[in-house]
Amino acid sequence: GTSYHPTGVGTIMYELAANDYVTWNIGTFAGSGSGSSTIYGAKGTR
């Protein structure tokens, strides 16, 4: 069908100095067809 509800997981290790900061960035998305691509606002997104 055309509905797909995956869970994606990723990790990283950084060496940080005091006061360095880390964020997670959405980046870009590649898909085909028209429709929506959504990050759900649920506790499963963390």
All heavy atoms as atom14 arrays in JSON, in Angstrom:
{
  "sequence": "GTSYHPTGVGTIMYELAANDYVTWNIGTFAGSGSGSSTIYGAKGTR",
  "atom14_mask": [
    [1, 1, 1, 1, 0, 0, 0, 0, 0, 0, 0, 0, 0, 0],
    [1, 1, 1, 1, 1, 1, 1, 0, 0, 0, 0, 0, 0, 0],
    [1, 1, 1, 1, 1, 1, 0, 0, 0, 0, 0, 0, 0, 0],
    [1, 1, 1, 1, 1, 1, 1, 1, 1, 1, 1, 1, 0, 0],
    [1, 1, 1, 1, 1, 1, 1, 1, 1, 1, 0, 0, 0, 0],
    [1, 1, 1, 1, 1, 1, 1, 0, 0, 0, 0, 0, 0, 0],
    [1, 1, 1, 1, 1, 1, 1, 0, 0, 0, 0, 0, 0, 0],
    [1, 1, 1, 1, 0, 0, 0, 0, 0, 0, 0, 0, 0, 0],
    [1, 1, 1, 1, 1, 1, 1, 0, 0, 0, 0, 0, 0, 0],
    [1, 1, 1, 1, 0, 0, 0, 0, 0, 0, 0, 0, 0, 0],
    [1, 1, 1, 1, 1, 1, 1, 0, 0, 0, 0, 0, 0, 0],
    [1, 1, 1, 1, 1, 1, 1, 1, 0, 0, 0, 0, 0, 0],
    [1, 1, 1, 1, 1, 1, 1, 1, 0, 0, 0, 0, 0, 0],
    [1, 1, 1, 1, 1, 1, 1, 1, 1, 1, 1, 1, 0, 0],
    [1, 1, 1, 1, 1, 1, 1, 1, 1, 0, 0, 0, 0, 0],
    [1, 1, 1, 1, 1, 1, 1, 1, 0, 0, 0, 0, 0, 0],
    [1, 1, 1, 1, 1, 0, 0, 0, 0, 0, 0, 0, 0, 0],
    [1, 1, 1, 1, 1, 0, 0, 0, 0, 0, 0, 0, 0, 0],
    [1, 1, 1, 1, 1, 1, 1, 1, 0, 0, 0, 0, 0, 0],
    [1, 1, 1, 1, 1, 1, 1, 1, 0, 0, 0, 0, 0, 0],
    [1, 1, 1, 1, 1, 1, 1, 1, 1, 1, 1, 1, 0, 0],
    [1, 1, 1, 1, 1, 1, 1, 0, 0, 0, 0, 0, 0, 0],
    [1, 1, 1, 1, 1, 1, 1, 0, 0, 0, 0, 0, 0, 0],
    [1, 1, 1, 1, 1, 1, 1, 1, 1, 1, 1, 1, 1, 1],
    [1, 1, 1, 1, 1, 1, 1, 1, 0, 0, 0, 0, 0, 0],
    [1, 1, 1, 1, 1, 1, 1, 1, 0, 0, 0, 0, 0, 0],
    [1, 1, 1, 1, 0, 0, 0, 0, 0, 0, 0, 0, 0, 0],
    [1, 1, 1, 1, 1, 1, 1, 0, 0, 0, 0, 0, 0, 0],
    [1, 1, 1, 1, 1, 1, 1, 1, 1, 1, 1, 0, 0, 0],
    [1, 1, 1, 1, 1, 0, 0, 0, 0, 0, 0, 0, 0, 0],
    [1, 1, 1, 1, 0, 0, 0, 0, 0, 0, 0, 0, 0, 0],
    [1, 1, 1, 1, 1, 1, 0, 0, 0, 0, 0, 0, 0, 0],
    [1, 1, 1, 1, 0, 0, 0, 0, 0, 0, 0, 0, 0, 0],
    [1, 1, 1, 1, 1, 1, 0, 0, 0, 0, 0, 0, 0, 0],
    [1, 1, 1, 1, 0, 0, 0, 0, 0, 0, 0, 0, 0, 0],
    [1, 1, 1, 1, 1, 1, 0, 0, 0, 0, 0, 0, 0, 0],
    [1, 1, 1, 1, 1, 1, 0, 0, 0, 0, 0, 0, 0, 0],
    [1, 1, 1, 1, 1, 1, 1, 0, 0, 0, 0, 0, 0, 0],
    [1, 1, 1, 1, 1, 1, 1, 1, 0, 0, 0, 0, 0, 0],
    [1, 1, 1, 1, 1, 1, 1, 1, 1, 1, 1, 1, 0, 0],
    [1, 1, 1, 1, 0, 0, 0, 0, 0, 0, 0, 0, 0, 0],
    [1, 1, 1, 1, 1, 0, 0, 0, 0, 0, 0, 0, 0, 0],
    [1, 1, 1, 1, 1, 1, 1, 1, 1, 0, 0, 0, 0, 0],
    [1, 1, 1, 1, 0, 0, 0, 0, 0, 0, 0, 0, 0, 0],
    [1, 1, 1, 1, 1, 1, 1, 0, 0, 0, 0, 0, 0, 0],
    [1, 1, 1, 1, 1, 1, 1, 1, 1, 1, 1, 0, 0, 0]
  ],
  "atom14_positions": [
    [[0.82, -1.2, 0.0], [0.0, 0.0, 0.0], [0.85, 1.25, 0.0], [2.02, 1.22, -0.36], [0.0, 0.0, 0.0], [0.0, 0.0, 0.0], [0.0, 0.0, 0.0], [0.0, 0.0, 0.0], [0.0, 0.0, 0.0], [0.0, 0.0, 0.0], [0.0, 0.0, 0.0], [0.0, 0.0, 0.0], [0.0, 0.0, 0.0], [0.0, 0.0, 0.0]],
    [[0.28, 2.35, 0.41], [1.02, 3.6, 0.4], [1.23, 4.16, 1.8], [1.7, 5.27, 1.95], [0.28, 4.65, -0.44], [-1.04, 4.82, 0.09], [0.22, 4.24, -1.9], [0.0, 0.0, 0.0], [0.0, 0.0, 0.0], [0.0, 0.0, 0.0], [0.0, 0.0, 0.0], [0.0, 0.0, 0.0], [0.0, 0.0, 0.0], [0.0, 0.0, 0.0]],
    [[0.9, 3.42, 2.84], [1.14, 3.87, 4.2], [2.26, 3.03, 4.81], [2.26, 1.82, 4.69], [-0.12, 3.72, 5.05], [-1.13, 4.56, 4.58], [0.0, 0.0, 0.0], [0.0, 0.0, 0.0], [0.0, 0.0, 0.0], [0.0, 0.0, 0.0], [0.0, 0.0, 0.0], [0.0, 0.0, 0.0], [0.0, 0.0, 0.0], [0.0, 0.0, 0.0]],
    [[3.19, 3.71, 5.44], [4.37, 3.06, 5.97], [4.7, 3.75, 7.29], [4.82, 4.97, 7.34], [5.49, 3.21, 4.95], [6.83, 2.59, 5.26], [6.93, 1.28, 5.73], [7.99, 3.3, 5.04], [8.17, 0.72, 5.99], [9.23, 2.74, 5.28], [9.31, 1.46, 5.76], [10.54, 0.9, 6.0], [0.0, 0.0, 0.0], [0.0, 0.0, 0.0]],
    [[4.81, 3.0, 8.41], [5.03, 3.58, 9.73], [6.24, 2.95, 10.41], [6.09, 2.15, 11.34], [3.79, 3.4, 10.61], [2.57, 4.05, 10.04], [2.32, 5.39, 10.2], [1.58, 3.57, 9.27], [1.2, 5.7, 9.57], [0.73, 4.6, 9.0], [0.0, 0.0, 0.0], [0.0, 0.0, 0.0], [0.0, 0.0, 0.0], [0.0, 0.0, 0.0]],
    [[7.43, 3.32, 9.98], [8.64, 2.72, 10.58], [9.1, 3.46, 11.82], [8.71, 4.59, 12.08], [9.67, 2.89, 9.47], [9.27, 4.18, 8.84], [7.75, 4.19, 8.87], [0.0, 0.0, 0.0], [0.0, 0.0, 0.0], [0.0, 0.0, 0.0], [0.0, 0.0, 0.0], [0.0, 0.0, 0.0], [0.0, 0.0, 0.0], [0.0, 0.0, 0.0]],
    [[9.97, 2.79, 12.56], [10.71, 3.41, 13.66], [12.18, 3.36, 13.26], [12.68, 2.31, 12.86], [10.49, 2.66, 14.97], [9.1, 2.71, 15.3], [11.29, 3.27, 16.1], [0.0, 0.0, 0.0], [0.0, 0.0, 0.0], [0.0, 0.0, 0.0], [0.0, 0.0, 0.0], [0.0, 0.0, 0.0], [0.0, 0.0, 0.0], [0.0, 0.0, 0.0]],
    [[12.86, 4.5, 13.33], [14.27, 4.57, 13.0], [15.08, 4.89, 14.25], [14.64, 5.65, 15.11], [0.0, 0.0, 0.0], [0.0, 0.0, 0.0], [0.0, 0.0, 0.0], [0.0, 0.0, 0.0], [0.0, 0.0, 0.0], [0.0, 0.0, 0.0], [0.0, 0.0, 0.0], [0.0, 0.0, 0.0], [0.0, 0.0, 0.0], [0.0, 0.0, 0.0]],
    [[16.27, 4.29, 14.37], [17.12, 4.48, 15.54], [18.54, 4.75, 15.07], [19.02, 4.1, 14.13], [17.1, 3.23, 16.45], [18.05, 3.4, 17.63], [15.69, 2.93, 16.93], [0.0, 0.0, 0.0], [0.0, 0.0, 0.0], [0.0, 0.0, 0.0], [0.0, 0.0, 0.0], [0.0, 0.0, 0.0], [0.0, 0.0, 0.0], [0.0, 0.0, 0.0]],
    [[19.22, 5.7, 15.71], [20.61, 5.99, 15.4], [21.35, 6.42, 16.65], [20.75, 6.95, 17.58], [0.0, 0.0, 0.0], [0.0, 0.0, 0.0], [0.0, 0.0, 0.0], [0.0, 0.0, 0.0], [0.0, 0.0, 0.0], [0.0, 0.0, 0.0], [0.0, 0.0, 0.0], [0.0, 0.0, 0.0], [0.0, 0.0, 0.0], [0.0, 0.0, 0.0]],
    [[22.66, 6.19, 16.68], [23.49, 6.6, 17.82], [24.79, 7.21, 17.32], [25.2, 6.99, 16.17], [23.83, 5.42, 18.75], [24.52, 4.43, 18.0], [22.59, 4.82, 19.38], [0.0, 0.0, 0.0], [0.0, 0.0, 0.0], [0.0, 0.0, 0.0], [0.0, 0.0, 0.0], [0.0, 0.0, 0.0], [0.0, 0.0, 0.0], [0.0, 0.0, 0.0]],
    [[25.44, 7.95, 18.2], [26.73, 8.57, 17.89], [27.5, 8.75, 19.2], [26.88, 8.87, 20.26], [26.56, 9.94, 17.19], [27.88, 10.54, 16.72], [25.87, 10.93, 18.1], [28.51, 9.82, 15.58], [0.0, 0.0, 0.0], [0.0, 0.0, 0.0], [0.0, 0.0, 0.0], [0.0, 0.0, 0.0], [0.0, 0.0, 0.0], [0.0, 0.0, 0.0]],
    [[28.82, 8.76, 19.12], [29.64, 9.11, 20.27], [30.48, 10.32, 19.86], [31.1, 10.32, 18.8], [30.56, 7.98, 20.7], [31.39, 8.34, 21.94], [32.49, 7.03, 22.5], [31.37, 6.09, 23.5], [0.0, 0.0, 0.0], [0.0, 0.0, 0.0], [0.0, 0.0, 0.0], [0.0, 0.0, 0.0], [0.0, 0.0, 0.0], [0.0, 0.0, 0.0]],
    [[30.44, 11.35, 20.69], [31.22, 12.57, 20.46], [32.2, 12.76, 21.6], [31.88, 12.49, 22.76], [30.31, 13.81, 20.47], [29.7, 14.21, 19.16], [28.33, 14.2, 18.99], [30.49, 14.66, 18.11], [27.75, 14.61, 17.8], [29.92, 15.08, 16.91], [28.55, 15.05, 16.77], [27.98, 15.46, 15.59], [0.0, 0.0, 0.0], [0.0, 0.0, 0.0]],
    [[33.37, 13.31, 21.28], [34.26, 13.82, 22.3], [33.96, 15.3, 22.39], [34.08, 16.03, 21.4], [35.72, 13.59, 21.95], [36.64, 14.04, 23.05], [38.04, 13.46, 22.93], [38.37, 12.84, 21.92], [38.8, 13.64, 23.9], [0.0, 0.0, 0.0], [0.0, 0.0, 0.0], [0.0, 0.0, 0.0], [0.0, 0.0, 0.0], [0.0, 0.0, 0.0]],
    [[33.51, 15.75, 23.57], [33.08, 17.13, 23.75], [33.96, 17.85, 24.76], [34.42, 17.24, 25.72], [31.63, 17.19, 24.25], [30.56, 16.53, 23.37], [29.2, 16.62, 24.05], [30.53, 17.17, 21.99], [0.0, 0.0, 0.0], [0.0, 0.0, 0.0], [0.0, 0.0, 0.0], [0.0, 0.0, 0.0], [0.0, 0.0, 0.0], [0.0, 0.0, 0.0]],
    [[34.17, 19.13, 24.54], [34.78, 20.01, 25.53], [33.64, 20.57, 26.38], [32.47, 20.55, 25.96], [35.54, 21.14, 24.84], [0.0, 0.0, 0.0], [0.0, 0.0, 0.0], [0.0, 0.0, 0.0], [0.0, 0.0, 0.0], [0.0, 0.0, 0.0], [0.0, 0.0, 0.0], [0.0, 0.0, 0.0], [0.0, 0.0, 0.0], [0.0, 0.0, 0.0]],
    [[33.95, 21.09, 27.55], [32.93, 21.75, 28.37], [32.3, 22.86, 27.53], [32.99, 23.59, 26.81], [33.54, 22.3, 29.64], [0.0, 0.0, 0.0], [0.0, 0.0, 0.0], [0.0, 0.0, 0.0], [0.0, 0.0, 0.0], [0.0, 0.0, 0.0], [0.0, 0.0, 0.0], [0.0, 0.0, 0.0], [0.0, 0.0, 0.0], [0.0, 0.0, 0.0]],
    [[30.98, 22.95, 27.56], [30.16, 23.95, 26.86], [29.94, 23.67, 25.37], [29.27, 24.46, 24.71], [30.68, 25.38, 27.07], [30.62, 25.75, 28.53], [29.62, 25.53, 29.2], [31.72, 26.27, 29.05], [0.0, 0.0, 0.0], [0.0, 0.0, 0.0], [0.0, 0.0, 0.0], [0.0, 0.0, 0.0], [0.0, 0.0, 0.0], [0.0, 0.0, 0.0]],
    [[30.49, 22.58, 24.82], [30.07, 22.16, 23.47], [28.62, 21.73, 23.56], [28.16, 21.27, 24.61], [30.9, 20.96, 22.99], [32.28, 21.35, 22.48], [32.54, 22.55, 22.29], [33.1, 20.42, 22.27], [0.0, 0.0, 0.0], [0.0, 0.0, 0.0], [0.0, 0.0, 0.0], [0.0, 0.0, 0.0], [0.0, 0.0, 0.0], [0.0, 0.0, 0.0]],
    [[27.9, 21.83, 22.45], [26.5, 21.38, 22.46], [26.22, 20.46, 21.29], [26.88, 20.51, 20.26], [25.53, 22.56, 22.51], [25.47, 23.39, 21.25], [24.61, 23.07, 20.2], [26.26, 24.53, 21.11], [24.55, 23.84, 19.05], [26.21, 25.3, 19.98], [25.35, 24.96, 18.95], [25.3, 25.72, 17.81], [0.0, 0.0, 0.0], [0.0, 0.0, 0.0]],
    [[25.23, 19.6, 21.47], [24.83, 18.63, 20.46], [23.33, 18.76, 20.22], [22.55, 18.92, 21.16], [25.17, 17.18, 20.91], [24.61, 16.15, 19.94], [26.68, 17.02, 21.04], [0.0, 0.0, 0.0], [0.0, 0.0, 0.0], [0.0, 0.0, 0.0], [0.0, 0.0, 0.0], [0.0, 0.0, 0.0], [0.0, 0.0, 0.0], [0.0, 0.0, 0.0]],
    [[22.95, 18.71, 18.94], [21.55, 18.7, 18.53], [21.34, 17.56, 17.56], [22.3, 16.98, 17.02], [21.13, 20.01, 17.83], [21.99, 20.22, 16.7], [21.22, 21.2, 18.77], [0.0, 0.0, 0.0], [0.0, 0.0, 0.0], [0.0, 0.0, 0.0], [0.0, 0.0, 0.0], [0.0, 0.0, 0.0], [0.0, 0.0, 0.0], [0.0, 0.0, 0.0]],
    [[20.07, 17.25, 17.32], [19.73, 16.29, 16.26], [18.96, 17.05, 15.2], [18.02, 17.78, 15.5], [18.91, 15.12, 16.81], [18.67, 14.12, 15.74], [19.55, 13.18, 15.29], [17.5, 14.0, 14.94], [18.99, 12.48, 14.27], [17.72, 12.96, 14.03], [16.27, 14.66, 14.91], [16.77, 12.56, 13.1], [15.34, 14.28, 13.98], [15.59, 13.23, 13.1]],
    [[19.41, 16.88, 13.94], [18.89, 17.66, 12.83], [18.13, 16.75, 11.87], [18.6, 15.66, 11.54], [20.05, 18.35, 12.11], [19.62, 19.33, 11.07], [19.29, 18.93, 9.96], [19.63, 20.61, 11.42], [0.0, 0.0, 0.0], [0.0, 0.0, 0.0], [0.0, 0.0, 0.0], [0.0, 0.0, 0.0], [0.0, 0.0, 0.0], [0.0, 0.0, 0.0]],
    [[16.98, 17.22, 11.4], [16.11, 16.44, 10.52], [16.79, 16.11, 9.2], [16.58, 15.05, 8.63], [14.79, 17.2, 10.27], [14.02, 17.28, 11.59], [13.96, 16.55, 9.17], [12.83, 18.23, 11.54], [0.0, 0.0, 0.0], [0.0, 0.0, 0.0], [0.0, 0.0, 0.0], [0.0, 0.0, 0.0], [0.0, 0.0, 0.0], [0.0, 0.0, 0.0]],
    [[17.64, 16.98, 8.69], [18.32, 16.73, 7.43], [17.37, 16.79, 6.26], [16.45, 17.61, 6.23], [0.0, 0.0, 0.0], [0.0, 0.0, 0.0], [0.0, 0.0, 0.0], [0.0, 0.0, 0.0], [0.0, 0.0, 0.0], [0.0, 0.0, 0.0], [0.0, 0.0, 0.0], [0.0, 0.0, 0.0], [0.0, 0.0, 0.0], [0.0, 0.0, 0.0]],
    [[17.58, 15.92, 5.28], [16.74, 15.9, 4.08], [16.11, 14.52, 3.9], [16.55, 13.54, 4.5], [17.57, 16.25, 2.83], [18.63, 15.3, 2.7], [18.14, 17.65, 2.95], [0.0, 0.0, 0.0], [0.0, 0.0, 0.0], [0.0, 0.0, 0.0], [0.0, 0.0, 0.0], [0.0, 0.0, 0.0], [0.0, 0.0, 0.0], [0.0, 0.0, 0.0]],
    [[15.11, 14.46, 3.04], [14.35, 13.23, 2.83], [14.22, 12.95, 1.34], [13.99, 13.87, 0.55], [12.96, 13.39, 3.46], [12.06, 12.22, 3.19], [12.26, 11.02, 3.84], [11.02, 12.33, 2.3], [11.44, 9.94, 3.6], [10.19, 11.26, 2.05], [10.41, 10.05, 2.7], [0.0, 0.0, 0.0], [0.0, 0.0, 0.0], [0.0, 0.0, 0.0]],
    [[14.38, 11.7, 0.96], [14.19, 11.29, -0.43], [13.08, 10.24, -0.47], [13.16, 9.21, 0.19], [15.48, 10.7, -0.99], [0.0, 0.0, 0.0], [0.0, 0.0, 0.0], [0.0, 0.0, 0.0], [0.0, 0.0, 0.0], [0.0, 0.0, 0.0], [0.0, 0.0, 0.0], [0.0, 0.0, 0.0], [0.0, 0.0, 0.0], [0.0, 0.0, 0.0]],
    [[12.04, 10.53, -1.21], [10.93, 9.61, -1.37], [10.34, 9.78, -2.75], [10.75, 10.65, -3.51], [0.0, 0.0, 0.0], [0.0, 0.0, 0.0], [0.0, 0.0, 0.0], [0.0, 0.0, 0.0], [0.0, 0.0, 0.0], [0.0, 0.0, 0.0], [0.0, 0.0, 0.0], [0.0, 0.0, 0.0], [0.0, 0.0, 0.0], [0.0, 0.0, 0.0]],
    [[9.39, 8.94, -3.09], [8.76, 9.07, -4.41], [7.25, 9.05, -4.25], [6.71, 8.41, -3.35], [9.21, 7.93, -5.33], [8.83, 6.69, -4.79], [0.0, 0.0, 0.0], [0.0, 0.0, 0.0], [0.0, 0.0, 0.0], [0.0, 0.0, 0.0], [0.0, 0.0, 0.0], [0.0, 0.0, 0.0], [0.0, 0.0, 0.0], [0.0, 0.0, 0.0]],
    [[6.58, 9.78, -5.12], [5.13, 9.88, -5.07], [4.7, 11.08, -4.25], [5.5, 11.71, -3.56], [0.0, 0.0, 0.0], [0.0, 0.0, 0.0], [0.0, 0.0, 0.0], [0.0, 0.0, 0.0], [0.0, 0.0, 0.0], [0.0, 0.0, 0.0], [0.0, 0.0, 0.0], [0.0, 0.0, 0.0], [0.0, 0.0, 0.0], [0.0, 0.0, 0.0]],
    [[3.45, 11.42, -4.33], [2.95, 12.54, -3.55], [2.36, 12.01, -2.25], [2.02, 10.84, -2.14], [1.89, 13.31, -4.33], [0.8, 12.46, -4.62], [0.0, 0.0, 0.0], [0.0, 0.0, 0.0], [0.0, 0.0, 0.0], [0.0, 0.0, 0.0], [0.0, 0.0, 0.0], [0.0, 0.0, 0.0], [0.0, 0.0, 0.0], [0.0, 0.0, 0.0]],
    [[2.28, 12.86, -1.26], [1.74, 12.47, 0.04], [2.54, 13.11, 1.14], [3.28, 14.07, 0.93], [0.0, 0.0, 0.0], [0.0, 0.0, 0.0], [0.0, 0.0, 0.0], [0.0, 0.0, 0.0], [0.0, 0.0, 0.0], [0.0, 0.0, 0.0], [0.0, 0.0, 0.0], [0.0, 0.0, 0.0], [0.0, 0.0, 0.0], [0.0, 0.0, 0.0]],
    [[2.43, 12.57, 2.33], [3.09, 13.19, 3.48], [4.22, 12.33, 4.03], [4.25, 11.11, 3.85], [2.06, 13.44, 4.58], [1.56, 12.22, 5.07], [0.0, 0.0, 0.0], [0.0, 0.0, 0.0], [0.0, 0.0, 0.0], [0.0, 0.0, 0.0], [0.0, 0.0, 0.0], [0.0, 0.0, 0.0], [0.0, 0.0, 0.0], [0.0, 0.0, 0.0]],
    [[5.15, 13.0, 4.68], [6.24, 12.34, 5.42], [6.3, 13.05, 6.77], [6.55, 14.24, 6.85], [7.56, 12.46, 4.66], [7.85, 13.81, 4.37], [0.0, 0.0, 0.0], [0.0, 0.0, 0.0], [0.0, 0.0, 0.0], [0.0, 0.0, 0.0], [0.0, 0.0, 0.0], [0.0, 0.0, 0.0], [0.0, 0.0, 0.0], [0.0, 0.0, 0.0]],
    [[6.04, 12.3, 7.84], [5.78, 12.9, 9.14], [6.6, 12.24, 10.24], [6.75, 11.02, 10.26], [4.28, 12.72, 9.49], [3.49, 13.28, 8.44], [3.92, 13.36, 10.8], [0.0, 0.0, 0.0], [0.0, 0.0, 0.0], [0.0, 0.0, 0.0], [0.0, 0.0, 0.0], [0.0, 0.0, 0.0], [0.0, 0.0, 0.0], [0.0, 0.0, 0.0]],
    [[7.1, 13.06, 11.17], [7.64, 12.56, 12.43], [6.51, 12.73, 13.44], [6.01, 13.84, 13.65], [8.88, 13.35, 12.89], [10.01, 13.19, 11.88], [9.31, 12.87, 14.28], [11.23, 14.06, 12.18], [0.0, 0.0, 0.0], [0.0, 0.0, 0.0], [0.0, 0.0, 0.0], [0.0, 0.0, 0.0], [0.0, 0.0, 0.0], [0.0, 0.0, 0.0]],
    [[6.08, 11.62, 14.03], [4.97, 11.68, 14.97], [5.4, 12.27, 16.3], [6.49, 11.98, 16.79], [4.35, 10.3, 15.18], [3.62, 9.77, 13.98], [3.92, 8.54, 13.44], [2.62, 10.52, 13.37], [3.25, 8.05, 12.34], [1.94, 10.05, 12.26], [2.26, 8.81, 11.75], [1.59, 8.34, 10.65], [0.0, 0.0, 0.0], [0.0, 0.0, 0.0]],
    [[4.52, 13.06, 16.88], [4.79, 13.69, 18.17], [4.41, 12.79, 19.32], [3.64, 13.18, 20.19], [0.0, 0.0, 0.0], [0.0, 0.0, 0.0], [0.0, 0.0, 0.0], [0.0, 0.0, 0.0], [0.0, 0.0, 0.0], [0.0, 0.0, 0.0], [0.0, 0.0, 0.0], [0.0, 0.0, 0.0], [0.0, 0.0, 0.0], [0.0, 0.0, 0.0]],
    [[4.93, 11.6, 19.34], [4.62, 10.62, 20.39], [5.87, 10.33, 21.2], [6.98, 10.68, 20.8], [4.11, 9.33, 19.73], [0.0, 0.0, 0.0], [0.0, 0.0, 0.0], [0.0, 0.0, 0.0], [0.0, 0.0, 0.0], [0.0, 0.0, 0.0], [0.0, 0.0, 0.0], [0.0, 0.0, 0.0], [0.0, 0.0, 0.0], [0.0, 0.0, 0.0]],
    [[5.71, 9.65, 22.33], [6.87, 9.3, 23.14], [7.81, 8.35, 22.42], [8.95, 8.18, 22.82], [6.42, 8.68, 24.46], [5.9, 9.7, 25.44], [5.63, 9.05, 26.79], [5.19, 10.08, 27.8], [4.94, 9.47, 29.1], [0.0, 0.0, 0.0], [0.0, 0.0, 0.0], [0.0, 0.0, 0.0], [0.0, 0.0, 0.0], [0.0, 0.0, 0.0]],
    [[7.35, 7.74, 21.33], [8.21, 6.9, 20.51], [9.26, 7.69, 19.75], [10.18, 7.13, 19.18], [0.0, 0.0, 0.0], [0.0, 0.0, 0.0], [0.0, 0.0, 0.0], [0.0, 0.0, 0.0], [0.0, 0.0, 0.0], [0.0, 0.0, 0.0], [0.0, 0.0, 0.0], [0.0, 0.0, 0.0], [0.0, 0.0, 0.0], [0.0, 0.0, 0.0]],
    [[9.15, 9.01, 19.75], [10.13, 9.91, 19.15], [10.89, 10.54, 20.29], [10.34, 11.32, 21.07], [9.42, 10.98, 18.29], [8.76, 10.32, 17.2], [10.4, 11.98, 17.74], [0.0, 0.0, 0.0], [0.0, 0.0, 0.0], [0.0, 0.0, 0.0], [0.0, 0.0, 0.0], [0.0, 0.0, 0.0], [0.0, 0.0, 0.0], [0.0, 0.0, 0.0]],
    [[12.19, 10.17, 20.43], [12.95, 10.64, 21.59], [14.44, 10.77, 21.29], [14.96, 10.17, 20.35], [12.72, 9.75, 22.8], [13.01, 8.29, 22.57], [12.58, 7.46, 23.79], [12.73, 6.06, 23.56], [11.76, 5.24, 23.17], [10.55, 5.72, 22.96], [11.98, 3.97, 22.98], [0.0, 0.0, 0.0], [0.0, 0.0, 0.0], [0.0, 0.0, 0.0]]
  ]
}
